[in-house]
N, C-alpha and C. Protein backbone atom coordinates (compact mmCIF):
# COMPACT_ATOMS: atom_id res chain seq x y z
N UNK A 1 -10.20 1.03 10.29
CA UNK A 1 -10.50 2.25 10.99
C UNK A 1 -11.64 3.03 10.32
N UNK A 2 -12.28 2.46 9.31
CA UNK A 2 -13.41 3.09 8.67
C UNK A 2 -13.06 4.07 7.56
N UNK A 3 -11.78 4.27 7.27
CA UNK A 3 -11.38 5.17 6.20
C UNK A 3 -11.30 4.42 4.87
N UNK A 4 -11.52 5.14 3.79
CA UNK A 4 -11.40 4.57 2.45
C UNK A 4 -10.21 5.19 1.74
N UNK A 5 -9.51 4.35 0.96
CA UNK A 5 -8.36 4.81 0.18
C UNK A 5 -8.46 4.17 -1.20
N UNK A 6 -7.96 4.87 -2.21
CA UNK A 6 -7.99 4.33 -3.58
C UNK A 6 -6.62 4.48 -4.21
N UNK A 7 -6.14 3.40 -4.81
CA UNK A 7 -4.88 3.40 -5.55
C UNK A 7 -5.14 2.95 -6.98
N UNK A 8 -4.35 3.50 -7.88
CA UNK A 8 -4.42 3.06 -9.28
C UNK A 8 -4.05 1.58 -9.31
N UNK A 9 -4.67 0.82 -10.17
CA UNK A 9 -4.48 -0.63 -10.20
C UNK A 9 -3.26 -1.05 -11.02
N UNK A 10 -2.25 -0.25 -11.08
CA UNK A 10 -1.00 -0.59 -11.79
C UNK A 10 0.19 -0.30 -10.88
N UNK A 11 1.01 -1.30 -10.70
CA UNK A 11 2.24 -1.13 -9.93
C UNK A 11 3.20 -0.26 -10.74
N UNK A 12 3.77 0.79 -10.14
CA UNK A 12 4.69 1.65 -10.87
C UNK A 12 6.01 0.96 -11.21
N UNK A 13 6.28 -0.18 -10.63
CA UNK A 13 7.52 -0.91 -10.91
C UNK A 13 7.48 -1.59 -12.27
N UNK A 14 6.46 -2.44 -12.51
CA UNK A 14 6.40 -3.21 -13.76
C UNK A 14 4.97 -3.38 -14.25
N UNK A 15 4.07 -2.48 -13.85
CA UNK A 15 2.69 -2.43 -14.32
C UNK A 15 1.85 -3.64 -13.93
N UNK A 16 2.22 -4.33 -12.87
CA UNK A 16 1.40 -5.43 -12.39
C UNK A 16 0.08 -4.90 -11.83
N UNK A 17 -0.93 -5.76 -11.79
CA UNK A 17 -2.22 -5.35 -11.24
C UNK A 17 -2.18 -5.45 -9.71
N UNK A 18 -2.24 -4.29 -9.06
CA UNK A 18 -2.12 -4.27 -7.60
C UNK A 18 -3.26 -4.99 -6.91
N UNK A 19 -4.44 -5.03 -7.53
CA UNK A 19 -5.59 -5.66 -6.88
C UNK A 19 -5.39 -7.16 -6.67
N UNK A 20 -4.45 -7.77 -7.35
CA UNK A 20 -4.20 -9.20 -7.19
C UNK A 20 -3.28 -9.50 -6.00
N UNK A 21 -2.67 -8.46 -5.43
CA UNK A 21 -1.75 -8.65 -4.31
C UNK A 21 -2.46 -8.61 -2.98
N UNK A 22 -1.83 -9.15 -1.94
CA UNK A 22 -2.45 -9.17 -0.62
C UNK A 22 -2.33 -7.84 0.11
N UNK A 23 -3.31 -7.56 0.97
CA UNK A 23 -3.20 -6.47 1.93
C UNK A 23 -2.61 -7.11 3.17
N UNK A 24 -1.51 -6.56 3.64
CA UNK A 24 -0.73 -7.22 4.66
C UNK A 24 -0.05 -6.21 5.57
N UNK A 25 0.98 -6.61 6.23
CA UNK A 25 1.86 -5.75 7.00
C UNK A 25 3.27 -5.98 6.48
N UNK A 26 4.26 -5.59 7.26
CA UNK A 26 5.63 -5.75 6.83
C UNK A 26 6.55 -5.81 8.04
N UNK A 27 7.78 -6.22 7.84
CA UNK A 27 8.73 -6.18 8.94
C UNK A 27 9.14 -4.73 9.18
N UNK A 28 9.32 -4.39 10.43
CA UNK A 28 9.62 -3.02 10.83
C UNK A 28 11.07 -2.93 11.31
N UNK A 29 11.70 -1.76 11.15
CA UNK A 29 13.06 -1.59 11.67
C UNK A 29 13.06 -1.64 13.20
N UNK A 30 14.14 -2.15 13.75
CA UNK A 30 14.29 -2.23 15.20
C UNK A 30 15.69 -1.77 15.59
N UNK A 31 15.91 -1.64 16.88
CA UNK A 31 17.23 -1.26 17.39
C UNK A 31 18.26 -2.36 17.17
N UNK A 32 17.82 -3.59 17.00
CA UNK A 32 18.72 -4.74 16.94
C UNK A 32 19.02 -5.20 15.52
N UNK A 33 18.57 -4.45 14.53
CA UNK A 33 18.89 -4.77 13.13
C UNK A 33 18.47 -6.17 12.73
N UNK A 34 19.38 -6.89 12.08
CA UNK A 34 19.09 -8.21 11.53
C UNK A 34 18.89 -9.28 12.59
N UNK A 35 19.19 -8.98 13.85
CA UNK A 35 19.03 -9.99 14.91
C UNK A 35 17.59 -10.09 15.40
N UNK A 36 16.74 -9.13 15.00
CA UNK A 36 15.37 -9.12 15.51
C UNK A 36 14.41 -8.69 14.39
N UNK A 37 13.30 -9.40 14.25
CA UNK A 37 12.30 -9.05 13.26
C UNK A 37 10.98 -8.80 13.97
N UNK A 38 10.38 -7.64 13.67
CA UNK A 38 9.10 -7.27 14.26
C UNK A 38 8.13 -7.00 13.12
N UNK A 39 6.96 -7.62 13.18
CA UNK A 39 5.94 -7.45 12.15
C UNK A 39 5.03 -6.31 12.56
N UNK A 40 4.75 -5.38 11.63
CA UNK A 40 3.90 -4.24 11.97
C UNK A 40 3.11 -3.75 10.76
N UNK A 41 2.38 -2.68 10.95
CA UNK A 41 1.57 -2.05 9.90
C UNK A 41 0.55 -3.02 9.29
N UNK A 42 0.06 -3.94 10.10
CA UNK A 42 -0.92 -4.92 9.63
C UNK A 42 -2.13 -4.23 8.99
N UNK A 43 -2.48 -4.63 7.76
CA UNK A 43 -3.62 -4.09 7.06
C UNK A 43 -3.37 -2.74 6.39
N UNK A 44 -2.13 -2.25 6.42
CA UNK A 44 -1.81 -0.95 5.84
C UNK A 44 -0.89 -1.05 4.63
N UNK A 45 -0.51 -2.25 4.25
CA UNK A 45 0.44 -2.44 3.15
C UNK A 45 -0.21 -3.27 2.05
N UNK A 46 -0.04 -2.83 0.81
CA UNK A 46 -0.49 -3.59 -0.36
C UNK A 46 0.74 -4.09 -1.08
N UNK A 47 0.82 -5.40 -1.26
CA UNK A 47 1.99 -6.01 -1.90
C UNK A 47 1.64 -6.42 -3.32
N UNK A 48 2.42 -5.95 -4.29
CA UNK A 48 2.20 -6.32 -5.69
C UNK A 48 2.40 -7.82 -5.85
N UNK A 49 1.47 -8.46 -6.52
CA UNK A 49 1.52 -9.92 -6.69
C UNK A 49 2.64 -10.35 -7.64
N UNK A 50 3.09 -9.46 -8.51
CA UNK A 50 4.11 -9.85 -9.49
C UNK A 50 5.51 -9.98 -8.90
N UNK A 51 5.99 -8.95 -8.22
CA UNK A 51 7.37 -8.95 -7.73
C UNK A 51 7.49 -8.64 -6.25
N UNK A 52 6.36 -8.47 -5.57
CA UNK A 52 6.38 -8.28 -4.12
C UNK A 52 6.69 -6.88 -3.63
N UNK A 53 6.70 -5.89 -4.53
CA UNK A 53 6.93 -4.52 -4.06
C UNK A 53 5.79 -4.13 -3.13
N UNK A 54 6.11 -3.41 -2.06
CA UNK A 54 5.12 -3.06 -1.04
C UNK A 54 4.84 -1.56 -1.05
N UNK A 55 3.55 -1.22 -0.90
CA UNK A 55 3.11 0.17 -0.93
C UNK A 55 2.20 0.45 0.26
N UNK A 56 2.37 1.62 0.88
CA UNK A 56 1.46 2.05 1.93
C UNK A 56 0.12 2.37 1.28
N UNK A 57 -0.95 1.80 1.76
CA UNK A 57 -2.27 2.00 1.17
C UNK A 57 -2.70 3.47 1.30
N UNK A 58 -2.42 4.10 2.42
CA UNK A 58 -2.87 5.47 2.66
C UNK A 58 -2.18 6.49 1.75
N UNK A 59 -0.89 6.27 1.44
CA UNK A 59 -0.10 7.28 0.72
C UNK A 59 0.38 6.84 -0.66
N UNK A 60 0.40 5.54 -0.92
CA UNK A 60 0.97 5.01 -2.16
C UNK A 60 2.48 4.89 -2.13
N UNK A 61 3.12 5.31 -1.03
CA UNK A 61 4.57 5.30 -0.91
C UNK A 61 5.12 3.87 -0.97
N UNK A 62 6.14 3.69 -1.79
CA UNK A 62 6.82 2.39 -1.91
C UNK A 62 7.78 2.23 -0.73
N UNK A 63 7.78 1.07 -0.10
CA UNK A 63 8.62 0.86 1.07
C UNK A 63 10.08 0.65 0.73
N UNK A 64 10.40 0.22 -0.49
CA UNK A 64 11.80 -0.05 -0.81
C UNK A 64 12.46 1.06 -1.62
N UNK A 65 11.69 1.99 -2.16
CA UNK A 65 12.26 3.09 -2.94
C UNK A 65 11.38 4.32 -2.76
N UNK A 66 11.85 5.28 -1.97
CA UNK A 66 11.05 6.46 -1.63
C UNK A 66 10.70 7.31 -2.86
N UNK A 67 11.39 7.12 -3.97
CA UNK A 67 11.11 7.89 -5.19
C UNK A 67 9.94 7.31 -5.98
N UNK A 68 9.50 6.10 -5.61
CA UNK A 68 8.43 5.41 -6.33
C UNK A 68 7.15 5.46 -5.51
N UNK A 69 6.04 5.75 -6.17
CA UNK A 69 4.73 5.78 -5.50
C UNK A 69 3.67 5.17 -6.41
N UNK A 70 2.74 4.47 -5.80
CA UNK A 70 1.53 4.07 -6.52
C UNK A 70 0.61 5.28 -6.51
N UNK A 71 -0.01 5.56 -7.64
CA UNK A 71 -0.89 6.73 -7.73
C UNK A 71 -2.08 6.53 -6.80
N UNK A 72 -2.42 7.58 -6.06
CA UNK A 72 -3.57 7.55 -5.16
C UNK A 72 -4.63 8.53 -5.65
N UNK A 73 -5.85 8.31 -5.22
CA UNK A 73 -6.98 9.17 -5.57
C UNK A 73 -7.71 9.56 -4.31
N UNK A 74 -8.26 10.77 -4.30
CA UNK A 74 -9.10 11.22 -3.20
C UNK A 74 -10.39 10.40 -3.19
N UNK A 75 -10.85 10.09 -2.00
CA UNK A 75 -12.08 9.30 -1.82
C UNK A 75 -13.00 10.05 -0.85
N UNK A 76 -14.28 10.06 -1.15
CA UNK A 76 -15.26 10.65 -0.23
C UNK A 76 -16.48 9.75 -0.16
N UNK A 77 -17.27 9.95 0.87
CA UNK A 77 -18.53 9.22 1.02
C UNK A 77 -19.65 10.25 0.86
N UNK A 78 -20.51 10.01 -0.13
CA UNK A 78 -21.61 10.93 -0.42
C UNK A 78 -22.91 10.13 -0.48
N UNK A 79 -23.82 10.43 0.45
CA UNK A 79 -25.11 9.73 0.50
C UNK A 79 -24.94 8.21 0.54
N UNK A 80 -24.06 7.72 1.38
CA UNK A 80 -23.78 6.30 1.56
C UNK A 80 -23.07 5.65 0.38
N UNK A 81 -22.62 6.43 -0.61
CA UNK A 81 -21.85 5.92 -1.73
C UNK A 81 -20.39 6.30 -1.57
N UNK A 82 -19.50 5.37 -1.85
CA UNK A 82 -18.07 5.68 -1.85
C UNK A 82 -17.72 6.20 -3.23
N UNK A 83 -17.15 7.42 -3.28
CA UNK A 83 -16.84 8.07 -4.55
C UNK A 83 -15.32 8.25 -4.65
N UNK A 84 -14.77 7.75 -5.76
CA UNK A 84 -13.34 7.93 -6.04
C UNK A 84 -13.23 9.08 -7.03
N UNK A 85 -12.47 10.11 -6.66
CA UNK A 85 -12.30 11.30 -7.50
C UNK A 85 -11.08 11.12 -8.39
N UNK A 86 -11.35 10.90 -9.68
CA UNK A 86 -10.27 10.66 -10.66
C UNK A 86 -9.95 11.93 -11.39
């Protein structure tokens, strides 16, 4: 969608390097529970390569534990340069 997002390159679970994990989607909840699986959020989830923990790229929110977040940074575009504000 043309937006930029920046996450710290350390998984808050076990300090794995997040950049080694895939950008993917995940299974979504449905009305039918375990009888039905729907894949969604394609391109919005970063999965840690070490243990598979999943994080929303936009917010850093962990999908399996709401108390855990990957650190995020503000990003802007200035004169055609992408700037990460640390």
